[in-house]
């Protein structure tokens, strides 16, 4: 659900992403997961409630100097190794 199958496009991708996002919103490591994906340039999947396109848009805005803060959802500490997998359970 968090990573697209090969050659997934259009409506199928949108539906999968729409199902994954609400799960992320209740994850205790949402903020850390999102920060990890943005910091490392994670190219695939849903991380911290952000799709691949969301992260690209955020990165492009940051490069242009636009300041659009991402609201932290949770403050639970976590390690980078546990971030993505703990939400998928």
N, C-alpha and C. Protein backbone atom coordinates (compact mmCIF):
# COMPACT_ATOMS: atom_id res chain seq x y z
N UNK A 1 0.82 -1.19 0.00
CA UNK A 1 0.00 0.00 0.00
C UNK A 1 0.87 1.27 0.00
N UNK A 2 2.03 1.23 0.61
CA UNK A 2 2.87 2.42 0.73
C UNK A 2 3.84 2.59 -0.45
N UNK A 3 4.05 1.54 -1.22
CA UNK A 3 4.93 1.60 -2.39
C UNK A 3 4.16 1.06 -3.58
N UNK A 4 4.25 1.75 -4.70
CA UNK A 4 3.48 1.35 -5.87
C UNK A 4 4.07 0.14 -6.57
N UNK A 5 3.20 -0.72 -7.08
CA UNK A 5 3.67 -1.82 -7.90
C UNK A 5 4.27 -1.29 -9.20
N UNK A 6 5.07 -2.08 -9.85
CA UNK A 6 5.66 -1.67 -11.13
C UNK A 6 4.56 -1.28 -12.11
N UNK A 7 4.80 -0.21 -12.82
CA UNK A 7 3.92 0.28 -13.90
C UNK A 7 2.54 0.73 -13.43
N UNK A 8 2.37 0.97 -12.12
CA UNK A 8 1.10 1.49 -11.63
C UNK A 8 0.97 2.96 -12.05
N UNK A 9 -0.16 3.33 -12.58
CA UNK A 9 -0.39 4.69 -13.05
C UNK A 9 -1.81 5.14 -12.74
N UNK A 10 -2.05 6.40 -12.98
CA UNK A 10 -3.39 6.98 -12.98
C UNK A 10 -4.26 6.69 -11.79
N UNK A 11 -5.47 6.24 -12.09
CA UNK A 11 -6.48 6.03 -11.08
C UNK A 11 -6.06 5.01 -10.04
N UNK A 12 -5.42 3.94 -10.45
CA UNK A 12 -5.00 2.90 -9.50
C UNK A 12 -4.02 3.50 -8.48
N UNK A 13 -3.09 4.30 -8.95
CA UNK A 13 -2.11 4.94 -8.06
C UNK A 13 -2.82 5.92 -7.12
N UNK A 14 -3.71 6.72 -7.64
CA UNK A 14 -4.45 7.69 -6.82
C UNK A 14 -5.25 7.00 -5.72
N UNK A 15 -5.89 5.90 -6.06
CA UNK A 15 -6.68 5.16 -5.07
C UNK A 15 -5.78 4.58 -3.98
N UNK A 16 -4.66 4.01 -4.38
CA UNK A 16 -3.74 3.43 -3.39
C UNK A 16 -3.22 4.52 -2.47
N UNK A 17 -2.81 5.65 -3.04
CA UNK A 17 -2.29 6.75 -2.22
C UNK A 17 -3.36 7.29 -1.28
N UNK A 18 -4.60 7.35 -1.76
CA UNK A 18 -5.71 7.82 -0.93
C UNK A 18 -5.98 6.90 0.25
N UNK A 19 -5.72 5.62 0.08
CA UNK A 19 -5.90 4.67 1.19
C UNK A 19 -4.73 4.73 2.17
N UNK A 20 -3.54 5.02 1.67
CA UNK A 20 -2.34 5.03 2.53
C UNK A 20 -2.25 6.28 3.40
N UNK A 21 -2.60 7.42 2.86
CA UNK A 21 -2.45 8.68 3.60
C UNK A 21 -3.13 8.70 4.97
N UNK A 22 -4.38 8.26 5.07
CA UNK A 22 -5.02 8.29 6.40
C UNK A 22 -4.31 7.41 7.42
N UNK A 23 -3.71 6.34 6.98
CA UNK A 23 -2.95 5.47 7.89
C UNK A 23 -1.77 6.25 8.45
N UNK A 24 -1.10 7.00 7.59
CA UNK A 24 0.04 7.80 8.03
C UNK A 24 -0.37 8.84 9.06
N UNK A 25 -1.54 9.43 8.91
CA UNK A 25 -1.96 10.51 9.80
C UNK A 25 -2.09 10.05 11.25
N UNK A 26 -2.26 8.76 11.47
CA UNK A 26 -2.38 8.24 12.84
C UNK A 26 -1.11 7.56 13.32
N UNK A 27 -0.07 7.58 12.52
CA UNK A 27 1.18 6.91 12.86
C UNK A 27 1.97 7.76 13.86
N UNK A 28 2.49 7.16 14.91
CA UNK A 28 3.23 7.93 15.92
C UNK A 28 4.58 8.46 15.44
N UNK A 29 5.07 8.00 14.29
CA UNK A 29 6.36 8.49 13.79
C UNK A 29 6.20 9.25 12.47
N UNK A 30 5.02 9.82 12.25
CA UNK A 30 4.74 10.52 11.01
C UNK A 30 5.79 11.59 10.72
N UNK A 31 6.05 12.46 11.67
CA UNK A 31 6.99 13.57 11.45
C UNK A 31 8.39 13.07 11.15
N UNK A 32 8.85 12.10 11.92
CA UNK A 32 10.19 11.57 11.70
C UNK A 32 10.29 10.85 10.37
N UNK A 33 9.25 10.15 9.99
CA UNK A 33 9.21 9.44 8.71
C UNK A 33 9.29 10.44 7.56
N UNK A 34 8.50 11.50 7.66
CA UNK A 34 8.49 12.54 6.63
C UNK A 34 9.85 13.21 6.54
N UNK A 35 10.42 13.57 7.67
CA UNK A 35 11.74 14.22 7.68
C UNK A 35 12.81 13.32 7.07
N UNK A 36 12.74 12.03 7.40
CA UNK A 36 13.70 11.08 6.83
C UNK A 36 13.59 11.06 5.30
N UNK A 37 12.37 10.97 4.79
CA UNK A 37 12.18 10.90 3.33
C UNK A 37 12.65 12.18 2.66
N UNK A 38 12.38 13.33 3.25
CA UNK A 38 12.80 14.59 2.65
C UNK A 38 14.31 14.77 2.73
N UNK A 39 14.90 14.36 3.83
CA UNK A 39 16.34 14.51 4.02
C UNK A 39 17.14 13.60 3.11
N UNK A 40 16.68 12.37 2.95
CA UNK A 40 17.42 11.40 2.15
C UNK A 40 17.03 11.41 0.67
N UNK A 41 15.96 12.15 0.34
CA UNK A 41 15.51 12.17 -1.05
C UNK A 41 14.86 10.87 -1.47
N UNK A 42 14.15 10.25 -0.55
CA UNK A 42 13.48 8.97 -0.84
C UNK A 42 12.63 9.11 -2.10
N UNK A 43 12.92 8.35 -3.15
CA UNK A 43 12.23 8.55 -4.42
C UNK A 43 10.89 7.81 -4.57
N UNK A 44 10.64 6.81 -3.75
CA UNK A 44 9.46 5.97 -3.98
C UNK A 44 8.59 5.87 -2.75
N UNK A 45 7.31 5.71 -2.98
CA UNK A 45 6.37 5.38 -1.93
C UNK A 45 5.83 6.57 -1.15
N UNK A 46 4.95 6.22 -0.22
CA UNK A 46 4.36 7.20 0.69
C UNK A 46 5.21 7.19 1.96
N UNK A 47 5.68 8.34 2.34
CA UNK A 47 6.50 8.50 3.56
C UNK A 47 5.97 9.70 4.32
N UNK A 48 5.62 9.50 5.57
CA UNK A 48 5.14 10.61 6.38
C UNK A 48 3.91 11.29 5.80
N UNK A 49 3.08 10.52 5.13
CA UNK A 49 1.87 11.06 4.54
C UNK A 49 2.08 11.82 3.25
N UNK A 50 3.30 11.80 2.72
CA UNK A 50 3.60 12.52 1.48
C UNK A 50 3.86 11.52 0.35
N UNK A 51 3.25 11.79 -0.80
CA UNK A 51 3.48 10.96 -1.97
C UNK A 51 4.80 11.38 -2.63
N UNK A 52 5.19 10.64 -3.64
CA UNK A 52 6.40 10.99 -4.41
C UNK A 52 6.27 12.40 -4.97
N UNK A 53 5.10 12.71 -5.52
CA UNK A 53 4.89 14.04 -6.10
C UNK A 53 4.87 15.13 -5.03
N UNK A 54 4.29 14.84 -3.86
CA UNK A 54 4.30 15.81 -2.77
C UNK A 54 5.74 16.17 -2.39
N UNK A 55 6.58 15.15 -2.29
CA UNK A 55 7.97 15.40 -1.89
C UNK A 55 8.72 16.18 -2.96
N UNK A 56 8.45 15.88 -4.23
CA UNK A 56 9.09 16.63 -5.32
C UNK A 56 8.68 18.10 -5.27
N UNK A 57 7.38 18.35 -5.09
CA UNK A 57 6.91 19.73 -5.00
C UNK A 57 7.54 20.45 -3.81
N UNK A 58 7.59 19.78 -2.67
CA UNK A 58 8.18 20.38 -1.47
C UNK A 58 9.66 20.72 -1.71
N UNK A 59 10.39 19.80 -2.29
CA UNK A 59 11.82 20.02 -2.56
C UNK A 59 12.02 21.16 -3.55
N UNK A 60 11.22 21.21 -4.58
CA UNK A 60 11.33 22.29 -5.57
C UNK A 60 11.02 23.65 -4.94
N UNK A 61 10.01 23.70 -4.09
CA UNK A 61 9.69 24.96 -3.41
C UNK A 61 10.83 25.38 -2.49
N UNK A 62 11.39 24.42 -1.79
CA UNK A 62 12.49 24.74 -0.88
C UNK A 62 13.70 25.27 -1.65
N UNK A 63 13.97 24.71 -2.81
CA UNK A 63 15.08 25.19 -3.65
C UNK A 63 14.85 26.63 -4.13
N UNK A 64 13.59 26.97 -4.35
CA UNK A 64 13.27 28.34 -4.78
C UNK A 64 13.23 29.31 -3.60
N UNK A 65 13.39 28.78 -2.40
CA UNK A 65 13.38 29.62 -1.21
C UNK A 65 12.02 29.84 -0.60
N UNK A 66 11.01 29.14 -1.10
CA UNK A 66 9.67 29.27 -0.53
C UNK A 66 9.63 28.58 0.82
N UNK A 67 9.01 29.19 1.77
CA UNK A 67 8.88 28.62 3.11
C UNK A 67 7.45 28.16 3.32
N UNK A 68 7.24 26.88 3.23
CA UNK A 68 5.93 26.29 3.53
C UNK A 68 6.16 25.21 4.57
N UNK A 69 6.04 25.55 5.84
CA UNK A 69 6.34 24.56 6.88
C UNK A 69 5.39 23.38 6.84
N UNK A 70 5.93 22.23 7.16
CA UNK A 70 5.13 21.03 7.30
C UNK A 70 4.73 20.93 8.76
N UNK A 71 3.46 20.90 9.00
CA UNK A 71 2.98 20.85 10.37
C UNK A 71 3.30 19.51 11.00
N UNK A 72 3.99 19.52 12.15
CA UNK A 72 4.26 18.25 12.82
C UNK A 72 2.97 17.65 13.36
N UNK A 73 2.81 16.38 13.19
CA UNK A 73 1.60 15.70 13.66
C UNK A 73 1.83 15.01 15.00
N UNK A 74 3.01 14.45 15.17
CA UNK A 74 3.32 13.71 16.38
C UNK A 74 4.74 14.03 16.80
N UNK A 75 5.02 13.90 18.08
CA UNK A 75 6.36 14.19 18.58
C UNK A 75 7.03 12.98 19.19
N UNK A 76 6.53 11.80 18.88
CA UNK A 76 7.10 10.58 19.42
C UNK A 76 8.47 10.31 18.82
N UNK A 77 9.52 10.16 19.64
CA UNK A 77 10.84 9.87 19.07
C UNK A 77 10.88 8.48 18.43
N UNK A 78 11.70 8.36 17.40
CA UNK A 78 11.85 7.07 16.72
C UNK A 78 13.19 7.03 16.03
N UNK A 79 13.65 5.84 15.72
CA UNK A 79 14.90 5.71 14.97
C UNK A 79 14.59 5.61 13.49
N UNK A 80 15.51 6.01 12.67
CA UNK A 80 15.30 5.99 11.22
C UNK A 80 15.00 4.58 10.71
N UNK A 81 15.60 3.56 11.32
CA UNK A 81 15.38 2.18 10.87
C UNK A 81 13.94 1.73 11.07
N UNK A 82 13.27 2.23 12.09
CA UNK A 82 11.94 1.78 12.41
C UNK A 82 10.86 2.63 11.78
N UNK A 83 11.20 3.75 11.20
CA UNK A 83 10.22 4.73 10.76
C UNK A 83 9.16 4.17 9.83
N UNK A 84 9.55 3.77 8.65
CA UNK A 84 8.57 3.38 7.63
C UNK A 84 7.90 2.07 7.98
N UNK A 85 8.64 1.12 8.45
CA UNK A 85 8.07 -0.20 8.70
C UNK A 85 7.10 -0.20 9.87
N UNK A 86 7.32 0.64 10.87
CA UNK A 86 6.42 0.65 12.02
C UNK A 86 5.04 1.15 11.63
N UNK A 87 4.94 2.01 10.64
CA UNK A 87 3.65 2.51 10.21
C UNK A 87 2.89 1.49 9.36
N UNK A 88 3.62 0.62 8.72
CA UNK A 88 2.99 -0.34 7.81
C UNK A 88 2.35 -1.52 8.54
N UNK A 89 2.58 -1.62 9.81
CA UNK A 89 2.02 -2.77 10.56
C UNK A 89 0.57 -2.63 10.85
